[in-house]
Amino acid sequence: MRVSVLVVPNAGRNGVVEEGDHLRVYVRAPPVKGKANEAVIEVLAEFFGVKKSDIRIISGERSREKVVEIRK
């Protein structure tokens, strides 16, 4: 399954909010050296109930808008 994600780094909390056809993912991590991307994967793994290794970023590695693939 592929999901469009909008990332909000440096947020006050970690969490996921469904907004229409995409997800807004809040992470506390800063967008430095991939820390926010790692946090996005952790938060999404918890949200979908899968392992972190089942999630990968398809596009948008350096953008707030990402496409993420989730294997269930």
N, C-alpha and C. Protein backbone atom coordinates (compact mmCIF):
# COMPACT_ATOMS: atom_id res chain seq x y z
N MET A 1 0.85 -1.16 0.00
CA MET A 1 0.00 0.00 0.00
C MET A 1 0.90 1.23 0.00
N ARG A 2 0.52 2.23 -0.79
CA ARG A 2 1.25 3.49 -0.82
C ARG A 2 0.39 4.59 -0.23
N VAL A 3 1.04 5.45 0.56
CA VAL A 3 0.32 6.50 1.26
C VAL A 3 1.06 7.82 1.05
N SER A 4 0.30 8.89 0.78
CA SER A 4 0.87 10.24 0.72
C SER A 4 0.93 10.78 2.14
N VAL A 5 2.07 11.37 2.47
CA VAL A 5 2.31 11.83 3.84
C VAL A 5 2.82 13.27 3.79
N LEU A 6 2.31 14.10 4.68
CA LEU A 6 2.84 15.44 4.89
C LEU A 6 3.46 15.46 6.27
N VAL A 7 4.75 15.75 6.35
CA VAL A 7 5.49 15.67 7.61
C VAL A 7 5.61 17.05 8.24
N VAL A 8 5.38 17.10 9.55
CA VAL A 8 5.56 18.32 10.34
C VAL A 8 6.67 18.04 11.35
N PRO A 9 7.93 18.44 11.02
CA PRO A 9 9.03 18.20 11.95
C PRO A 9 9.02 19.22 13.09
N ASN A 10 9.80 18.94 14.13
CA ASN A 10 9.91 19.81 15.30
C ASN A 10 8.55 20.07 15.96
N ALA A 11 7.67 19.10 15.88
CA ALA A 11 6.34 19.24 16.50
C ALA A 11 6.45 19.00 18.00
N GLY A 12 5.43 19.39 18.72
CA GLY A 12 5.42 19.20 20.17
C GLY A 12 5.16 17.77 20.57
N ARG A 13 4.68 16.96 19.62
CA ARG A 13 4.36 15.57 19.92
C ARG A 13 4.51 14.74 18.65
N ASN A 14 4.58 13.43 18.83
CA ASN A 14 4.55 12.51 17.69
C ASN A 14 3.11 12.07 17.50
N GLY A 15 2.66 11.96 16.26
CA GLY A 15 1.30 11.51 16.01
C GLY A 15 0.94 11.54 14.54
N VAL A 16 -0.21 10.95 14.23
CA VAL A 16 -0.70 10.86 12.86
C VAL A 16 -2.14 11.36 12.84
N VAL A 17 -2.45 12.20 11.84
CA VAL A 17 -3.80 12.69 11.64
C VAL A 17 -4.19 12.40 10.20
N GLU A 18 -5.34 11.75 10.02
CA GLU A 18 -5.84 11.48 8.66
C GLU A 18 -6.53 12.72 8.13
N GLU A 19 -6.13 13.15 6.93
CA GLU A 19 -6.71 14.33 6.30
C GLU A 19 -7.06 13.99 4.85
N GLY A 20 -8.27 13.54 4.64
CA GLY A 20 -8.70 13.20 3.28
C GLY A 20 -7.90 12.06 2.70
N ASP A 21 -7.18 12.33 1.61
CA ASP A 21 -6.44 11.29 0.90
C ASP A 21 -4.99 11.17 1.34
N HIS A 22 -4.58 11.91 2.38
CA HIS A 22 -3.21 11.78 2.87
C HIS A 22 -3.18 11.81 4.39
N LEU A 23 -2.00 11.54 4.93
CA LEU A 23 -1.79 11.56 6.37
C LEU A 23 -0.86 12.73 6.71
N ARG A 24 -1.14 13.38 7.83
CA ARG A 24 -0.23 14.40 8.36
C ARG A 24 0.47 13.74 9.55
N VAL A 25 1.80 13.67 9.47
CA VAL A 25 2.59 12.99 10.50
C VAL A 25 3.40 14.04 11.25
N TYR A 26 3.16 14.13 12.56
CA TYR A 26 3.88 15.05 13.43
C TYR A 26 5.01 14.29 14.10
N VAL A 27 6.22 14.83 14.01
CA VAL A 27 7.37 14.21 14.68
C VAL A 27 8.15 15.27 15.44
N ARG A 28 8.68 14.88 16.58
CA ARG A 28 9.48 15.81 17.39
C ARG A 28 10.86 16.03 16.81
N ALA A 29 11.34 15.11 16.01
CA ALA A 29 12.70 15.16 15.49
C ALA A 29 12.88 16.32 14.51
N PRO A 30 14.08 16.90 14.50
CA PRO A 30 14.37 17.96 13.52
C PRO A 30 14.70 17.36 12.16
N PRO A 31 14.52 18.14 11.09
CA PRO A 31 14.83 17.63 9.76
C PRO A 31 16.32 17.72 9.44
N VAL A 32 17.14 17.07 10.25
CA VAL A 32 18.58 17.12 10.10
C VAL A 32 19.13 15.70 10.04
N LYS A 33 19.94 15.42 9.04
CA LYS A 33 20.63 14.13 8.88
C LYS A 33 19.69 12.94 8.93
N GLY A 34 18.48 13.09 8.38
CA GLY A 34 17.54 11.98 8.29
C GLY A 34 16.81 11.63 9.57
N LYS A 35 16.97 12.42 10.61
CA LYS A 35 16.32 12.10 11.89
C LYS A 35 14.80 12.16 11.78
N ALA A 36 14.28 13.14 11.04
CA ALA A 36 12.82 13.24 10.88
C ALA A 36 12.30 12.05 10.07
N ASN A 37 13.03 11.63 9.04
CA ASN A 37 12.60 10.47 8.25
C ASN A 37 12.54 9.21 9.12
N GLU A 38 13.53 9.02 9.96
CA GLU A 38 13.53 7.87 10.86
C GLU A 38 12.33 7.93 11.80
N ALA A 39 12.05 9.11 12.31
CA ALA A 39 10.92 9.28 13.22
C ALA A 39 9.60 9.03 12.50
N VAL A 40 9.50 9.46 11.24
CA VAL A 40 8.27 9.22 10.46
C VAL A 40 8.03 7.73 10.33
N ILE A 41 9.07 6.98 10.03
CA ILE A 41 8.94 5.53 9.89
C ILE A 41 8.50 4.90 11.21
N GLU A 42 9.08 5.34 12.32
CA GLU A 42 8.69 4.80 13.63
C GLU A 42 7.23 5.10 13.96
N VAL A 43 6.81 6.34 13.72
CA VAL A 43 5.44 6.74 14.04
C VAL A 43 4.45 5.99 13.15
N LEU A 44 4.75 5.86 11.86
CA LEU A 44 3.85 5.15 10.95
C LEU A 44 3.79 3.66 11.28
N ALA A 45 4.91 3.07 11.69
CA ALA A 45 4.92 1.65 12.06
C ALA A 45 3.99 1.41 13.25
N GLU A 46 4.03 2.30 14.21
CA GLU A 46 3.14 2.17 15.36
C GLU A 46 1.68 2.39 14.96
N PHE A 47 1.43 3.38 14.09
CA PHE A 47 0.07 3.71 13.65
C PHE A 47 -0.57 2.54 12.90
N PHE A 48 0.20 1.91 11.99
CA PHE A 48 -0.34 0.81 11.18
C PHE A 48 -0.14 -0.56 11.81
N GLY A 49 0.60 -0.64 12.90
CA GLY A 49 0.82 -1.92 13.58
C GLY A 49 1.70 -2.87 12.80
N VAL A 50 2.75 -2.32 12.17
CA VAL A 50 3.71 -3.14 11.42
C VAL A 50 5.12 -2.86 11.95
N LYS A 51 6.08 -3.66 11.49
CA LYS A 51 7.47 -3.44 11.85
C LYS A 51 8.03 -2.27 11.06
N LYS A 52 9.05 -1.62 11.62
CA LYS A 52 9.68 -0.50 10.91
C LYS A 52 10.27 -0.94 9.58
N SER A 53 10.73 -2.19 9.50
CA SER A 53 11.33 -2.68 8.26
C SER A 53 10.29 -2.87 7.15
N ASP A 54 9.01 -2.83 7.50
CA ASP A 54 7.94 -2.96 6.50
C ASP A 54 7.55 -1.62 5.88
N ILE A 55 8.22 -0.56 6.28
CA ILE A 55 7.90 0.78 5.78
C ILE A 55 9.13 1.37 5.13
N ARG A 56 8.93 1.97 3.94
CA ARG A 56 10.04 2.67 3.30
C ARG A 56 9.51 3.89 2.57
N ILE A 57 10.37 4.89 2.49
CA ILE A 57 10.02 6.13 1.81
C ILE A 57 10.34 5.95 0.33
N ILE A 58 9.31 6.06 -0.51
CA ILE A 58 9.47 5.88 -1.96
C ILE A 58 9.99 7.16 -2.60
N SER A 59 9.38 8.30 -2.25
CA SER A 59 9.83 9.59 -2.80
C SER A 59 9.64 10.67 -1.76
N GLY A 60 10.38 11.76 -1.93
CA GLY A 60 10.29 12.88 -1.01
C GLY A 60 11.23 12.77 0.17
N GLU A 61 12.34 12.10 -0.02
CA GLU A 61 13.32 11.90 1.06
C GLU A 61 13.74 13.23 1.71
N ARG A 62 13.83 14.29 0.90
CA ARG A 62 14.26 15.59 1.41
C ARG A 62 13.15 16.63 1.38
N SER A 63 11.92 16.17 1.37
CA SER A 63 10.77 17.05 1.29
C SER A 63 9.81 16.76 2.44
N ARG A 64 8.93 17.72 2.73
CA ARG A 64 7.89 17.47 3.74
C ARG A 64 6.80 16.58 3.17
N GLU A 65 6.64 16.58 1.84
CA GLU A 65 5.65 15.74 1.18
C GLU A 65 6.34 14.46 0.72
N LYS A 66 5.87 13.34 1.21
CA LYS A 66 6.50 12.05 0.92
C LYS A 66 5.46 11.04 0.45
N VAL A 67 5.94 10.04 -0.26
CA VAL A 67 5.12 8.86 -0.58
C VAL A 67 5.80 7.70 0.12
N VAL A 68 5.03 6.99 0.93
CA VAL A 68 5.55 5.92 1.76
C VAL A 68 4.88 4.61 1.37
N GLU A 69 5.68 3.55 1.25
CA GLU A 69 5.15 2.22 0.96
C GLU A 69 5.11 1.42 2.25
N ILE A 70 3.96 0.79 2.49
CA ILE A 70 3.77 -0.01 3.69
C ILE A 70 3.41 -1.43 3.27
N ARG A 71 4.22 -2.40 3.71
CA ARG A 71 3.95 -3.81 3.43
C ARG A 71 3.27 -4.41 4.64
N LYS A 72 2.13 -5.04 4.44
CA LYS A 72 1.42 -5.69 5.55
C LYS A 72 1.44 -7.17 5.39
